[in-house]
Amino acid sequence: MSSTLMGAVNPFAQPAPVADQARIRKFVKDLAEVAGAVSDAQSDLKEAIAGVDEITEIDEKIKTLKLERKELLLSHTVIQSYADALEEAVEDKKAVISDAKADGVPKGEIEIAIKALKKDLDLSMSVEIYANIADLIDP
């Protein structure tokens, strides 16, 4: 995490550039366009792959092996005990989240705050950007 008390580590370093509102809005629009192009390219690739018979045969073999694997996992007692412990922990997590919701704890906002802290993001800048691009994003 950065500290405003310490100042820059390198006094000769150039200050980081700060984009204005127009550049940020352009970035969001450009990113949406590129994301659309990526999505279209992924769809085209999936369609091309689906048209190859050898790949379709391999996919069928994989499905069969996955079913065999699942049956083995369900019948193995040691693995099943670990799976039960995991399921119990997941249920405990769901109970904690349910209790927090009932108490009015904003879970989503807390998760975002934790992620921002881990990534050392400036939330005041994020709020400003949010206000400037809210009309560009589909809910």
Protein backbone atom coordinates (compact mmCIF):
# COMPACT_ATOMS: atom_id res chain seq x y z
CA MET A 1 0.00 0.00 0.00
CA SER A 2 1.20 3.48 -0.69
CA SER A 3 1.51 6.12 1.95
CA THR A 4 1.01 9.84 1.47
CA LEU A 5 3.41 10.50 4.34
CA MET A 6 6.40 8.86 2.67
CA GLY A 7 6.17 10.53 -0.71
CA ALA A 8 7.71 9.12 -3.87
CA VAL A 9 10.35 6.43 -3.52
CA ASN A 10 12.29 7.88 -6.46
CA PRO A 11 12.36 11.72 -6.32
CA PHE A 12 13.49 11.85 -9.98
CA ALA A 13 10.64 9.72 -11.29
CA GLN A 14 8.10 11.40 -13.51
CA PRO A 15 4.62 11.71 -11.99
CA ALA A 16 2.14 9.16 -13.28
CA PRO A 17 -0.06 10.54 -16.06
CA VAL A 18 -3.64 11.33 -15.10
CA ALA A 19 -6.26 10.86 -17.80
CA ASP A 20 -9.03 13.40 -18.20
CA GLN A 21 -12.74 12.56 -18.35
CA ALA A 22 -12.83 12.43 -22.17
CA ARG A 23 -9.94 9.93 -22.35
CA ILE A 24 -11.52 7.73 -19.70
CA ARG A 25 -14.88 7.73 -21.53
CA LYS A 26 -13.12 6.95 -24.82
CA PHE A 27 -11.27 4.07 -23.15
CA VAL A 28 -14.53 2.59 -21.82
CA LYS A 29 -16.19 2.86 -25.25
CA ASP A 30 -13.14 1.39 -27.04
CA LEU A 31 -12.94 -1.42 -24.49
CA ALA A 32 -16.61 -2.29 -25.07
CA GLU A 33 -16.02 -2.42 -28.83
CA VAL A 34 -12.95 -4.62 -28.47
CA ALA A 35 -14.79 -6.89 -26.02
CA GLY A 36 -17.51 -7.33 -28.66
CA ALA A 37 -14.91 -8.22 -31.28
CA VAL A 38 -13.32 -10.75 -28.89
CA SER A 39 -16.73 -12.30 -28.22
CA ASP A 40 -17.46 -12.59 -31.95
CA ALA A 41 -14.03 -14.16 -32.59
CA GLN A 42 -14.60 -16.67 -29.76
CA SER A 43 -17.97 -17.65 -31.25
CA ASP A 44 -16.43 -18.09 -34.70
CA LEU A 45 -13.66 -20.25 -33.26
CA LYS A 46 -16.14 -22.45 -31.35
CA GLU A 47 -18.17 -22.91 -34.52
CA ALA A 48 -15.07 -23.87 -36.50
CA ILE A 49 -13.99 -26.37 -33.84
CA ALA A 50 -17.46 -27.91 -33.71
CA GLY A 51 -17.21 -28.61 -37.44
CA VAL A 52 -14.16 -30.90 -37.13
CA ASP A 53 -15.22 -34.56 -36.80
CA GLU A 54 -12.02 -35.71 -35.06
CA ILE A 55 -12.51 -33.12 -32.33
CA THR A 56 -16.14 -34.14 -31.89
CA GLU A 57 -15.05 -37.77 -31.41
CA ILE A 58 -12.45 -36.76 -28.82
CA ASP A 59 -15.07 -34.66 -27.01
CA GLU A 60 -17.36 -37.71 -26.80
CA LYS A 61 -14.51 -39.80 -25.34
CA ILE A 62 -13.85 -37.06 -22.80
CA LYS A 63 -17.53 -37.07 -21.75
CA THR A 64 -17.40 -40.83 -21.22
CA LEU A 65 -14.20 -40.58 -19.18
CA LYS A 66 -15.66 -37.78 -17.07
CA LEU A 67 -18.68 -39.93 -16.25
CA GLU A 68 -16.41 -42.82 -15.27
CA ARG A 69 -14.35 -40.45 -13.11
CA LYS A 70 -17.47 -39.08 -11.41
CA GLU A 71 -18.70 -42.60 -10.59
CA LEU A 72 -15.31 -43.49 -9.13
CA LEU A 73 -15.22 -40.33 -7.01
CA LEU A 74 -18.69 -41.02 -5.65
CA SER A 75 -17.78 -44.58 -4.69
CA HIS A 76 -14.40 -43.81 -3.07
CA THR A 77 -14.92 -43.50 0.70
CA VAL A 78 -11.85 -41.41 1.55
CA ILE A 79 -12.55 -38.90 -1.22
CA GLN A 80 -16.22 -38.80 -0.25
CA SER A 81 -15.29 -37.87 3.34
CA TYR A 82 -13.29 -34.90 2.03
CA ALA A 83 -16.18 -33.93 -0.25
CA ASP A 84 -18.56 -34.04 2.72
CA ALA A 85 -16.24 -31.79 4.73
CA LEU A 86 -16.11 -29.34 1.83
CA GLU A 87 -19.89 -29.36 1.50
CA GLU A 88 -20.24 -28.64 5.22
CA ALA A 89 -17.80 -25.70 4.98
CA VAL A 90 -19.72 -24.31 1.98
CA GLU A 91 -22.99 -24.54 3.93
CA ASP A 92 -21.34 -22.70 6.85
CA LYS A 93 -20.24 -19.95 4.45
CA LYS A 94 -23.77 -19.67 3.05
CA ALA A 95 -25.13 -19.37 6.60
CA VAL A 96 -22.68 -16.58 7.44
CA ILE A 97 -23.64 -14.69 4.26
CA SER A 98 -27.34 -15.21 4.93
CA ASP A 99 -26.99 -13.88 8.48
CA ALA A 100 -25.05 -10.86 7.22
CA LYS A 101 -27.73 -10.10 4.61
CA ALA A 102 -30.40 -10.33 7.31
CA ASP A 103 -28.39 -7.83 9.37
CA GLY A 104 -28.14 -5.43 6.39
CA VAL A 105 -24.43 -5.96 5.68
CA PRO A 106 -23.67 -4.85 2.07
CA LYS A 107 -21.80 -8.02 0.99
CA GLY A 108 -21.09 -6.91 -2.59
CA GLU A 109 -19.68 -3.57 -1.53
CA ILE A 110 -17.53 -5.21 1.12
CA GLU A 111 -16.13 -7.67 -1.45
CA ILE A 112 -15.28 -4.77 -3.78
CA ALA A 113 -13.61 -2.88 -0.93
CA ILE A 114 -11.51 -5.93 -0.03
CA LYS A 115 -10.46 -6.40 -3.68
CA ALA A 116 -9.57 -2.69 -3.90
CA LEU A 117 -7.44 -2.94 -0.78
CA LYS A 118 -5.63 -6.02 -2.07
CA LYS A 119 -4.93 -4.31 -5.39
CA ASP A 120 -4.07 -0.97 -3.77
CA LEU A 121 -6.71 0.92 -5.79
CA ASP A 122 -7.67 4.53 -5.12
CA LEU A 123 -11.41 4.30 -4.42
CA SER A 124 -11.93 8.05 -4.63
CA MET A 125 -10.67 7.91 -8.20
CA SER A 126 -12.85 4.86 -8.84
CA VAL A 127 -15.92 6.75 -7.61
CA GLU A 128 -15.08 9.70 -9.85
CA ILE A 129 -14.62 7.39 -12.85
CA TYR A 130 -17.85 5.60 -11.98
CA ALA A 131 -19.74 8.89 -12.03
CA ASN A 132 -18.26 9.78 -15.41
CA ILE A 133 -18.90 6.48 -17.19
CA ALA A 134 -22.14 5.25 -15.58
CA ASP A 135 -24.14 6.21 -18.66
CA LEU A 136 -21.88 4.10 -20.92
CA ILE A 137 -22.38 0.80 -19.11
CA ASP A 138 -25.42 -1.44 -19.54
CA PRO A 139 -26.74 -2.71 -16.22
